[in-house]
Amino acid sequence: MLKGHRVDEAATGELRAARRALAPGAADAVRFDFGPARGEHERRWPPDVQDALIELLMSLPAPYRAYVRRTLHTRAEALGAGRPLTREDLRRLWQELRGSLR
């Protein structure tokens, strides 16, 4: 918690302790929710696939990253709505895109 422009350590500690003391599952009720669109994005792009995409993008020269990200997202959406993507999907899409750039 903030007090002015500083963190109120005592109040923050009390708030954290109160949240930890909640019954199991009750903590979910106070957890921030990014909404259904973000939930669907994270279901479609699981964390390990997001990590793989970031690793791929960071291996590219900066000027290419936005294009590759946009193109891979577009191609991934065409794979079939609803199913979560896999690292293999991402690898295959990247290989196809890379081949078309040569």
PDB file of N, CA and C in Angstrom:
ATOM      1  N   MET A   1       0.839  -1.167   0.000  1.00  0.00           N
ATOM      2  CA  MET A   1       0.000   0.000   0.000  1.00  0.00           C
ATOM      3  C   MET A   1       0.892   1.241   0.000  1.00  0.00           C
ATOM      4  N   LEU A   2       0.367   2.287  -0.563  1.00  0.00           N
ATOM      5  CA  LEU A   2       1.125   3.527  -0.626  1.00  0.00           C
ATOM      6  C   LEU A   2       0.625   4.516   0.422  1.00  0.00           C
ATOM      7  N   LYS A   3       1.574   5.276   0.922  1.00  0.00           N
ATOM      8  CA  LYS A   3       1.274   6.381   1.833  1.00  0.00           C
ATOM      9  C   LYS A   3       1.997   7.569   1.240  1.00  0.00           C
ATOM     10  N   GLY A   4       1.237   8.419   0.552  1.00  0.00           N
ATOM     11  CA  GLY A   4       1.881   9.500  -0.194  1.00  0.00           C
ATOM     12  C   GLY A   4       2.591   8.881  -1.390  1.00  0.00           C
ATOM     13  N   HIS A   5       3.897   9.120  -1.485  1.00  0.00           N
ATOM     14  CA  HIS A   5       4.692   8.571  -2.582  1.00  0.00           C
ATOM     15  C   HIS A   5       5.601   7.448  -2.108  1.00  0.00           C
ATOM     16  N   ARG A   6       5.341   6.912  -0.929  1.00  0.00           N
ATOM     17  CA  ARG A   6       6.186   5.853  -0.374  1.00  0.00           C
ATOM     18  C   ARG A   6       5.351   4.621  -0.062  1.00  0.00           C
ATOM     19  N   VAL A   7       6.009   3.481  -0.077  1.00  0.00           N
ATOM     20  CA  VAL A   7       5.349   2.230   0.297  1.00  0.00           C
ATOM     21  C   VAL A   7       5.206   2.197   1.812  1.00  0.00           C
ATOM     22  N   ASP A   8       3.996   1.935   2.276  1.00  0.00           N
ATOM     23  CA  ASP A   8       3.735   1.765   3.705  1.00  0.00           C
ATOM     24  C   ASP A   8       3.978   0.286   4.005  1.00  0.00           C
ATOM     25  N   GLU A   9       5.186  -0.026   4.450  1.00  0.00           N
ATOM     26  CA  GLU A   9       5.602  -1.411   4.675  1.00  0.00           C
ATOM     27  C   GLU A   9       4.682  -2.141   5.653  1.00  0.00           C
ATOM     28  N   ALA A  10       4.318  -1.488   6.736  1.00  0.00           N
ATOM     29  CA  ALA A  10       3.468  -2.134   7.746  1.00  0.00           C
ATOM     30  C   ALA A  10       2.095  -2.466   7.165  1.00  0.00           C
ATOM     31  N   ALA A  11       1.478  -1.494   6.505  1.00  0.00           N
ATOM     32  CA  ALA A  11       0.150  -1.726   5.933  1.00  0.00           C
ATOM     33  C   ALA A  11       0.206  -2.780   4.829  1.00  0.00           C
ATOM     34  N   THR A  12       1.276  -2.775   4.042  1.00  0.00           N
ATOM     35  CA  THR A  12       1.430  -3.770   2.987  1.00  0.00           C
ATOM     36  C   THR A  12       1.553  -5.156   3.592  1.00  0.00           C
ATOM     37  N   GLY A  13       2.344  -5.277   4.652  1.00  0.00           N
ATOM     38  CA  GLY A  13       2.501  -6.563   5.330  1.00  0.00           C
ATOM     39  C   GLY A  13       1.187  -7.063   5.903  1.00  0.00           C
ATOM     40  N   GLU A  14       0.421  -6.176   6.492  1.00  0.00           N
ATOM     41  CA  GLU A  14      -0.885  -6.553   7.048  1.00  0.00           C
ATOM     42  C   GLU A  14      -1.836  -7.020   5.944  1.00  0.00           C
ATOM     43  N   LEU A  15      -1.852  -6.320   4.825  1.00  0.00           N
ATOM     44  CA  LEU A  15      -2.718  -6.687   3.713  1.00  0.00           C
ATOM     45  C   LEU A  15      -2.328  -8.058   3.168  1.00  0.00           C
ATOM     46  N   ARG A  16      -1.037  -8.287   3.002  1.00  0.00           N
ATOM     47  CA  ARG A  16      -0.579  -9.585   2.506  1.00  0.00           C
ATOM     48  C   ARG A  16      -0.950 -10.702   3.469  1.00  0.00           C
ATOM     49  N   ALA A  17      -0.765 -10.471   4.752  1.00  0.00           N
ATOM     50  CA  ALA A  17      -1.112 -11.481   5.758  1.00  0.00           C
ATOM     51  C   ALA A  17      -2.603 -11.779   5.735  1.00  0.00           C
ATOM     52  N   ALA A  18      -3.422 -10.751   5.593  1.00  0.00           N
ATOM     53  CA  ALA A  18      -4.869 -10.952   5.551  1.00  0.00           C
ATOM     54  C   ALA A  18      -5.272 -11.778   4.337  1.00  0.00           C
ATOM     55  N   ARG A  19      -4.641 -11.536   3.209  1.00  0.00           N
ATOM     56  CA  ARG A  19      -4.963 -12.304   1.997  1.00  0.00           C
ATOM     57  C   ARG A  19      -4.490 -13.744   2.117  1.00  0.00           C
ATOM     58  N   ARG A  20      -3.329 -13.953   2.745  1.00  0.00           N
ATOM     59  CA  ARG A  20      -2.841 -15.327   2.940  1.00  0.00           C
ATOM     60  C   ARG A  20      -3.735 -16.098   3.898  1.00  0.00           C
ATOM     61  N   ALA A  21      -4.377 -15.398   4.822  1.00  0.00           N
ATOM     62  CA  ALA A  21      -5.213 -16.051   5.834  1.00  0.00           C
ATOM     63  C   ALA A  21      -6.566 -16.486   5.283  1.00  0.00           C
ATOM     64  N   LEU A  22      -6.918 -16.026   4.113  1.00  0.00           N
ATOM     65  CA  LEU A  22      -8.201 -16.417   3.529  1.00  0.00           C
ATOM     66  C   LEU A  22      -8.231 -17.923   3.325  1.00  0.00           C
ATOM     67  N   ALA A  23      -9.417 -18.475   3.361  1.00  0.00           N
ATOM     68  CA  ALA A  23      -9.571 -19.914   3.124  1.00  0.00           C
ATOM     69  C   ALA A  23      -9.074 -20.244   1.712  1.00  0.00           C
ATOM     70  N   PRO A  24      -8.575 -21.466   1.504  1.00  0.00           N
ATOM     71  CA  PRO A  24      -8.129 -21.855   0.151  1.00  0.00           C
ATOM     72  C   PRO A  24      -9.234 -21.604  -0.864  1.00  0.00           C
ATOM     73  N   GLY A  25      -8.869 -21.011  -1.963  1.00  0.00           N
ATOM     74  CA  GLY A  25      -9.834 -20.687  -3.003  1.00  0.00           C
ATOM     75  C   GLY A  25     -10.423 -19.296  -2.860  1.00  0.00           C
ATOM     76  N   ALA A  26     -10.495 -18.803  -1.639  1.00  0.00           N
ATOM     77  CA  ALA A  26     -11.071 -17.471  -1.432  1.00  0.00           C
ATOM     78  C   ALA A  26     -10.137 -16.396  -1.965  1.00  0.00           C
ATOM     79  N   ALA A  27      -8.852 -16.688  -2.006  1.00  0.00           N
ATOM     80  CA  ALA A  27      -7.889 -15.712  -2.514  1.00  0.00           C
ATOM     81  C   ALA A  27      -8.178 -15.384  -3.969  1.00  0.00           C
ATOM     82  N   ASP A  28      -8.763 -16.339  -4.713  1.00  0.00           N
ATOM     83  CA  ASP A  28      -9.095 -16.089  -6.113  1.00  0.00           C
ATOM     84  C   ASP A  28     -10.116 -14.963  -6.256  1.00  0.00           C
ATOM     85  N   ALA A  29     -10.956 -14.788  -5.240  1.00  0.00           N
ATOM     86  CA  ALA A  29     -11.976 -13.755  -5.295  1.00  0.00           C
ATOM     87  C   ALA A  29     -11.381 -12.354  -5.242  1.00  0.00           C
ATOM     88  N   VAL A  30     -10.179 -12.201  -4.667  1.00  0.00           N
ATOM     89  CA  VAL A  30      -9.563 -10.883  -4.584  1.00  0.00           C
ATOM     90  C   VAL A  30      -8.456 -10.695  -5.612  1.00  0.00           C
ATOM     91  N   ARG A  31      -8.181 -11.746  -6.382  1.00  0.00           N
ATOM     92  CA  ARG A  31      -7.142 -11.660  -7.399  1.00  0.00           C
ATOM     93  C   ARG A  31      -7.630 -10.809  -8.570  1.00  0.00           C
ATOM     94  N   PHE A  32      -6.762 -10.018  -9.127  1.00  0.00           N
ATOM     95  CA  PHE A  32      -7.113  -9.179 -10.267  1.00  0.00           C
ATOM     96  C   PHE A  32      -7.407 -10.055 -11.471  1.00  0.00           C
ATOM     97  N   ASP A  33      -8.422  -9.702 -12.220  1.00  0.00           N
ATOM     98  CA  ASP A  33      -8.826 -10.445 -13.402  1.00  0.00           C
ATOM     99  C   ASP A  33      -8.657  -9.532 -14.613  1.00  0.00           C
ATOM    100  N   PHE A  34      -7.891  -9.974 -15.582  1.00  0.00           N
ATOM    101  CA  PHE A  34      -7.660  -9.173 -16.788  1.00  0.00           C
ATOM    102  C   PHE A  34      -8.821  -9.262 -17.765  1.00  0.00           C
ATOM    103  N   GLY A  35      -9.817 -10.078 -17.462  1.00  0.00           N
ATOM    104  CA  GLY A  35     -11.005 -10.164 -18.292  1.00  0.00           C
ATOM    105  C   GLY A  35     -10.984 -11.340 -19.246  1.00  0.00           C
ATOM    106  N   PRO A  36     -12.122 -11.598 -19.875  1.00  0.00           N
ATOM    107  CA  PRO A  36     -12.255 -12.783 -20.723  1.00  0.00           C
ATOM    108  C   PRO A  36     -11.367 -12.759 -21.970  1.00  0.00           C
ATOM    109  N   ALA A  37     -11.129 -11.589 -22.543  1.00  0.00           N
ATOM    110  CA  ALA A  37     -10.289 -11.531 -23.743  1.00  0.00           C
ATOM    111  C   ALA A  37      -8.859 -11.968 -23.420  1.00  0.00           C
ATOM    112  N   ARG A  38      -8.334 -11.504 -22.283  1.00  0.00           N
ATOM    113  CA  ARG A  38      -6.973 -11.904 -21.902  1.00  0.00           C
ATOM    114  C   ARG A  38      -6.927 -13.391 -21.552  1.00  0.00           C
ATOM    115  N   GLY A  39      -7.987 -13.860 -20.866  1.00  0.00           N
ATOM    116  CA  GLY A  39      -8.051 -15.287 -20.538  1.00  0.00           C
ATOM    117  C   GLY A  39      -8.043 -16.149 -21.783  1.00  0.00           C
ATOM    118  N   GLU A  40      -8.796 -15.737 -22.792  1.00  0.00           N
ATOM    119  CA  GLU A  40      -8.821 -16.485 -24.053  1.00  0.00           C
ATOM    120  C   GLU A  40      -7.467 -16.429 -24.745  1.00  0.00           C
ATOM    121  N   HIS A  41      -6.817 -15.272 -24.725  1.00  0.00           N
ATOM    122  CA  HIS A  41      -5.485 -15.155 -25.330  1.00  0.00           C
ATOM    123  C   HIS A  41      -4.498 -16.102 -24.644  1.00  0.00           C
ATOM    124  N   GLU A  42      -4.519 -16.139 -23.330  1.00  0.00           N
ATOM    125  CA  GLU A  42      -3.579 -17.000 -22.600  1.00  0.00           C
ATOM    126  C   GLU A  42      -3.916 -18.476 -22.769  1.00  0.00           C
ATOM    127  N   ARG A  43      -5.194 -18.793 -22.999  1.00  0.00           N
ATOM    128  CA  ARG A  43      -5.551 -20.178 -23.274  1.00  0.00           C
ATOM    129  C   ARG A  43      -5.050 -20.565 -24.662  1.00  0.00           C
ATOM    130  N   ARG A  44      -5.209 -19.650 -25.605  1.00  0.00           N
ATOM    131  CA  ARG A  44      -4.784 -19.912 -26.985  1.00  0.00           C
ATOM    132  C   ARG A  44      -3.263 -19.900 -27.117  1.00  0.00           C
ATOM    133  N   TRP A  45      -2.615 -18.980 -26.408  1.00  0.00           N
ATOM    134  CA  TRP A  45      -1.154 -18.861 -26.410  1.00  0.00           C
ATOM    135  C   TRP A  45      -0.646 -19.210 -25.012  1.00  0.00           C
ATOM    136  N   PRO A  46      -0.488 -20.498 -24.697  1.00  0.00           N
ATOM    137  CA  PRO A  46      -0.023 -20.883 -23.359  1.00  0.00           C
ATOM    138  C   PRO A  46       1.328 -20.233 -23.032  1.00  0.00           C
ATOM    139  N   PRO A  47       1.631 -20.075 -21.753  1.00  0.00           N
ATOM    140  CA  PRO A  47       2.870 -19.383 -21.353  1.00  0.00           C
ATOM    141  C   PRO A  47       4.137 -19.937 -22.011  1.00  0.00           C
ATOM    142  N   ASP A  48       4.257 -21.252 -22.160  1.00  0.00           N
ATOM    143  CA  ASP A  48       5.477 -21.790 -22.773  1.00  0.00           C
ATOM    144  C   ASP A  48       5.570 -21.413 -24.245  1.00  0.00           C
ATOM    145  N   VAL A  49       4.432 -21.269 -24.925  1.00  0.00           N
ATOM    146  CA  VAL A  49       4.446 -20.854 -26.330  1.00  0.00           C
ATOM    147  C   VAL A  49       4.755 -19.352 -26.411  1.00  0.00           C
ATOM    148  N   GLN A  50       4.201 -18.568 -25.492  1.00  0.00           N
ATOM    149  CA  GLN A  50       4.542 -17.142 -25.448  1.00  0.00           C
ATOM    150  C   GLN A  50       6.042 -16.970 -25.212  1.00  0.00           C
ATOM    151  N   ASP A  51       6.596 -17.769 -24.296  1.00  0.00           N
ATOM    152  CA  ASP A  51       8.035 -17.689 -24.026  1.00  0.00           C
ATOM    153  C   ASP A  51       8.845 -18.035 -25.273  1.00  0.00           C
ATOM    154  N   ALA A  52       8.408 -19.069 -25.995  1.00  0.00           N
ATOM    155  CA  ALA A  52       9.119 -19.471 -27.213  1.00  0.00           C
ATOM    156  C   ALA A  52       9.052 -18.365 -28.263  1.00  0.00           C
ATOM    157  N   LEU A  53       7.896 -17.710 -28.385  1.00  0.00           N
ATOM    158  CA  LEU A  53       7.765 -16.608 -29.345  1.00  0.00           C
ATOM    159  C   LEU A  53       8.696 -15.456 -28.973  1.00  0.00           C
ATOM    160  N   ILE A  54       8.736 -15.107 -27.707  1.00  0.00           N
ATOM    161  CA  ILE A  54       9.610 -14.018 -27.263  1.00  0.00           C
ATOM    162  C   ILE A  54      11.073 -14.377 -27.524  1.00  0.00           C
ATOM    163  N   GLU A  55      11.438 -15.612 -27.230  1.00  0.00           N
ATOM    164  CA  GLU A  55      12.818 -16.056 -27.478  1.00  0.00           C
ATOM    165  C   GLU A  55      13.158 -15.932 -28.967  1.00  0.00           C
ATOM    166  N   LEU A  56      12.220 -16.354 -29.816  1.00  0.00           N
ATOM    167  CA  LEU A  56      12.426 -16.239 -31.261  1.00  0.00           C
ATOM    168  C   LEU A  56      12.574 -14.782 -31.674  1.00  0.00           C
ATOM    169  N   LEU A  57      11.647 -13.933 -31.222  1.00  0.00           N
ATOM    170  CA  LEU A  57      11.688 -12.518 -31.613  1.00  0.00           C
ATOM    171  C   LEU A  57      12.975 -11.845 -31.160  1.00  0.00           C
ATOM    172  N   MET A  58      13.430 -12.158 -29.960  1.00  0.00           N
ATOM    173  CA  MET A  58      14.644 -11.528 -29.448  1.00  0.00           C
ATOM    174  C   MET A  58      15.904 -12.022 -30.163  1.00  0.00           C
ATOM    175  N   SER A  59      15.793 -13.130 -30.886  1.00  0.00           N
ATOM    176  CA  SER A  59      16.949 -13.628 -31.646  1.00  0.00           C
ATOM    177  C   SER A  59      17.060 -12.920 -33.000  1.00  0.00           C
ATOM    178  N   LEU A  60      16.045 -12.140 -33.357  1.00  0.00           N
ATOM    179  CA  LEU A  60      16.023 -11.451 -34.652  1.00  0.00           C
ATOM    180  C   LEU A  60      16.508 -10.019 -34.517  1.00  0.00           C
ATOM    181  N   PRO A  61      17.001  -9.448 -35.599  1.00  0.00           N
ATOM    182  CA  PRO A  61      17.329  -8.015 -35.568  1.00  0.00           C
ATOM    183  C   PRO A  61      16.063  -7.211 -35.263  1.00  0.00           C
ATOM    184  N   ALA A  62      16.200  -6.157 -34.517  1.00  0.00           N
ATOM    185  CA  ALA A  62      15.061  -5.358 -34.051  1.00  0.00           C
ATOM    186  C   ALA A  62      14.092  -4.946 -35.161  1.00  0.00           C
ATOM    187  N   PRO A  63      14.569  -4.528 -36.330  1.00  0.00           N
ATOM    188  CA  PRO A  63      13.614  -4.087 -37.355  1.00  0.00           C
ATOM    189  C   PRO A  63      12.649  -5.173 -37.847  1.00  0.00           C
ATOM    190  N   TYR A  64      12.988  -6.449 -37.654  1.00  0.00           N
ATOM    191  CA  TYR A  64      12.156  -7.545 -38.141  1.00  0.00           C
ATOM    192  C   TYR A  64      11.136  -8.028 -37.116  1.00  0.00           C
ATOM    193  N   ARG A  65      11.314  -7.703 -35.852  1.00  0.00           N
ATOM    194  CA  ARG A  65      10.514  -8.292 -34.779  1.00  0.00           C
ATOM    195  C   ARG A  65       9.021  -8.014 -34.906  1.00  0.00           C
ATOM    196  N   ALA A  66       8.633  -6.790 -35.135  1.00  0.00           N
ATOM    197  CA  ALA A  66       7.202  -6.454 -35.211  1.00  0.00           C
ATOM    198  C   ALA A  66       6.543  -7.176 -36.381  1.00  0.00           C
ATOM    199  N   TYR A  67       7.217  -7.190 -37.524  1.00  0.00           N
ATOM    200  CA  TYR A  67       6.665  -7.879 -38.696  1.00  0.00           C
ATOM    201  C   TYR A  67       6.485  -9.364 -38.418  1.00  0.00           C
ATOM    202  N   VAL A  68       7.507  -9.996 -37.880  1.00  0.00           N
ATOM    203  CA  VAL A  68       7.443 -11.435 -37.611  1.00  0.00           C
ATOM    204  C   VAL A  68       6.354 -11.732 -36.584  1.00  0.00           C
ATOM    205  N   ARG A  69       6.261 -10.924 -35.545  1.00  0.00           N
ATOM    206  CA  ARG A  69       5.232 -11.137 -34.516  1.00  0.00           C
ATOM    207  C   ARG A  69       3.839 -11.035 -35.133  1.00  0.00           C
ATOM    208  N   ARG A  70       3.595  -9.975 -35.876  1.00  0.00           N
ATOM    209  CA  ARG A  70       2.287  -9.779 -36.514  1.00  0.00           C
ATOM    210  C   ARG A  70       1.951 -10.929 -37.456  1.00  0.00           C
ATOM    211  N   THR A  71       2.917 -11.309 -38.266  1.00  0.00           N
ATOM    212  CA  THR A  71       2.685 -12.350 -39.265  1.00  0.00           C
ATOM    213  C   THR A  71       2.448 -13.697 -38.599  1.00  0.00           C
ATOM    214  N   LEU A  72       3.243 -14.013 -37.588  1.00  0.00           N
ATOM    215  CA  LEU A  72       3.043 -15.289 -36.895  1.00  0.00           C
ATOM    216  C   LEU A  72       1.702 -15.327 -36.173  1.00  0.00           C
ATOM    217  N   HIS A  73       1.305 -14.222 -35.576  1.00  0.00           N
ATOM    218  CA  HIS A  73      -0.007 -14.178 -34.915  1.00  0.00           C
ATOM    219  C   HIS A  73      -1.125 -14.402 -35.938  1.00  0.00           C
ATOM    220  N   THR A  74      -1.037 -13.752 -37.080  1.00  0.00           N
ATOM    221  CA  THR A  74      -2.051 -13.899 -38.124  1.00  0.00           C
ATOM    222  C   THR A  74      -2.117 -15.342 -38.610  1.00  0.00           C
ATOM    223  N   ARG A  75      -0.965 -15.934 -38.856  1.00  0.00           N
ATOM    224  CA  ARG A  75      -0.932 -17.316 -39.334  1.00  0.00           C
ATOM    225  C   ARG A  75      -1.393 -18.288 -38.254  1.00  0.00           C
ATOM    226  N   ALA A  76      -1.071 -18.005 -37.009  1.00  0.00           N
ATOM    227  CA  ALA A  76      -1.507 -18.871 -35.909  1.00  0.00           C
ATOM    228  C   ALA A  76      -3.028 -18.852 -35.786  1.00  0.00           C
ATOM    229  N   GLU A  77      -3.629 -17.674 -35.958  1.00  0.00           N
ATOM    230  CA  GLU A  77      -5.086 -17.578 -35.858  1.00  0.00           C
ATOM    231  C   GLU A  77      -5.762 -18.369 -36.968  1.00  0.00           C
ATOM    232  N   ALA A  78      -5.108 -18.521 -38.099  1.00  0.00           N
ATOM    233  CA  ALA A  78      -5.675 -19.264 -39.215  1.00  0.00           C
ATOM    234  C   ALA A  78      -5.564 -20.777 -39.022  1.00  0.00           C
ATOM    235  N   LEU A  79      -4.812 -21.214 -38.032  1.00  0.00           N
ATOM    236  CA  LEU A  79      -4.629 -22.659 -37.803  1.00  0.00           C
ATOM    237  C   LEU A  79      -5.898 -23.363 -37.371  1.00  0.00           C
ATOM    238  N   GLY A  80      -6.804 -22.669 -36.804  1.00  0.00           N
ATOM    239  CA  GLY A  80      -8.011 -23.311 -36.302  1.00  0.00           C
ATOM    240  C   GLY A  80      -8.350 -22.702 -34.964  1.00  0.00           C
ATOM    241  N   ALA A  81      -9.362 -21.907 -34.983  1.00  0.00           N
ATOM    242  CA  ALA A  81      -9.760 -21.211 -33.759  1.00  0.00           C
ATOM    243  C   ALA A  81     -10.125 -22.222 -32.690  1.00  0.00           C
ATOM    244  N   GLY A  82      -9.779 -21.863 -31.493  1.00  0.00           N
ATOM    245  CA  GLY A  82     -10.198 -22.676 -30.363  1.00  0.00           C
ATOM    246  C   GLY A  82      -9.132 -23.525 -29.735  1.00  0.00           C
ATOM    247  N   ARG A  83      -8.269 -24.113 -30.521  1.00  0.00           N
ATOM    248  CA  ARG A  83      -7.298 -24.995 -29.883  1.00  0.00           C
ATOM    249  C   ARG A  83      -6.053 -24.232 -29.461  1.00  0.00           C
ATOM    250  N   PRO A  84      -5.479 -24.606 -28.322  1.00  0.00           N
ATOM    251  CA  PRO A  84      -4.246 -23.950 -27.890  1.00  0.00           C
ATOM    252  C   PRO A  84      -3.099 -24.251 -28.855  1.00  0.00           C
ATOM    253  N   LEU A  85      -2.254 -23.278 -29.045  1.00  0.00           N
ATOM    254  CA  LEU A  85      -1.078 -23.458 -29.892  1.00  0.00           C
ATOM    255  C   LEU A  85      -0.018 -24.241 -29.138  1.00  0.00           C
ATOM    256  N   THR A  86       0.840 -24.885 -29.887  1.00  0.00           N
ATOM    257  CA  THR A  86       1.951 -25.624 -29.286  1.00  0.00           C
ATOM    258  C   THR A  86       3.269 -25.034 -29.774  1.00  0.00           C
ATOM    259  N   ARG A  87       4.335 -25.414 -29.096  1.00  0.00           N
ATOM    260  CA  ARG A  87       5.665 -24.983 -29.552  1.00  0.00           C
ATOM    261  C   ARG A  87       5.924 -25.502 -30.962  1.00  0.00           C
ATOM    262  N   GLU A  88       5.424 -26.694 -31.267  1.00  0.00           N
ATOM    263  CA  GLU A  88       5.603 -27.272 -32.605  1.00  0.00           C
ATOM    264  C   GLU A  88       4.868 -26.434 -33.651  1.00  0.00           C
ATOM    265  N   ASP A  89       3.655 -25.961 -33.326  1.00  0.00           N
ATOM    266  CA  ASP A  89       2.937 -25.064 -34.237  1.00  0.00           C
ATOM    267  C   ASP A  89       3.786 -23.831 -34.528  1.00  0.00           C
ATOM    268  N   LEU A  90       4.305 -23.228 -33.472  1.00  0.00           N
ATOM    269  CA  LEU A  90       5.105 -22.018 -33.620  1.00  0.00           C
ATOM    270  C   LEU A  90       6.356 -22.288 -34.447  1.00  0.00           C
ATOM    271  N   ARG A  91       7.030 -23.407 -34.176  1.00  0.00           N
ATOM    272  CA  ARG A  91       8.234 -23.768 -34.934  1.00  0.00           C
ATOM    273  C   ARG A  91       7.908 -23.922 -36.417  1.00  0.00           C
ATOM    274  N   ARG A  92       6.813 -24.629 -36.718  1.00  0.00           N
ATOM    275  CA  ARG A  92       6.426 -24.847 -38.106  1.00  0.00           C
ATOM    276  C   ARG A  92       6.049 -23.536 -38.797  1.00  0.00           C
ATOM    277  N   LEU A  93       5.268 -22.696 -38.117  1.00  0.00           N
ATOM    278  CA  LEU A  93       4.894 -21.404 -38.701  1.00  0.00           C
ATOM    279  C   LEU A  93       6.120 -20.537 -38.970  1.00  0.00           C
ATOM    280  N   TRP A  94       7.077 -20.562 -38.049  1.00  0.00           N
ATOM    281  CA  TRP A  94       8.299 -19.778 -38.234  1.00  0.00           C
ATOM    282  C   TRP A  94       9.092 -20.310 -39.425  1.00  0.00           C
ATOM    283  N   GLN A  95       9.203 -21.634 -39.547  1.00  0.00           N
ATOM    284  CA  GLN A  95       9.951 -22.214 -40.666  1.00  0.00           C
ATOM    285  C   GLN A  95       9.303 -21.815 -41.993  1.00  0.00           C
ATOM    286  N   GLU A  96       7.956 -21.845 -42.060  1.00  0.00           N
ATOM    287  CA  GLU A  96       7.254 -21.445 -43.284  1.00  0.00           C
ATOM    288  C   GLU A  96       7.493 -19.974 -43.606  1.00  0.00           C
ATOM    289  N   LEU A  97       7.395 -19.125 -42.590  1.00  0.00           N
ATOM    290  CA  LEU A  97       7.604 -17.689 -42.788  1.00  0.00           C
ATOM    291  C   LEU A  97       9.042 -17.430 -43.211  1.00  0.00           C
ATOM    292  N   ARG A  98       9.971 -18.047 -42.518  1.00  0.00           N
ATOM    293  CA  ARG A  98      11.396 -17.860 -42.838  1.00  0.00           C
ATOM    294  C   ARG A  98      11.692 -18.276 -44.277  1.00  0.00           C
ATOM    295  N   GLY A  99      11.092 -19.395 -44.689  1.00  0.00           N
ATOM    296  CA  GLY A  99      11.296 -19.862 -46.065  1.00  0.00           C
ATOM    297  C   GLY A  99      10.736 -18.889 -47.099  1.00  0.00           C
ATOM    298  N   SER A 100       9.631 -18.229 -46.752  1.00  0.00           N
ATOM    299  CA  SER A 100       9.021 -17.289 -47.700  1.00  0.00           C
ATOM    300  C   SER A 100       9.787 -15.966 -47.785  1.00  0.00           C
ATOM    301  N   LEU A 101      10.645 -15.703 -46.819  1.00  0.00           N
ATOM    302  CA  LEU A 101      11.411 -14.439 -46.801  1.00  0.00           C
ATOM    303  C   LEU A 101      12.692 -14.532 -47.613  1.00  0.00           C
ATOM    304  N   ARG A 102      13.092 -15.698 -47.989  1.00  0.00           N
ATOM    305  CA  ARG A 102      14.357 -15.858 -48.712  1.00  0.00           C
ATOM    306  C   ARG A 102      14.236 -15.559 -50.159  1.00  0.00           C
TER     307      ARG A 102
END
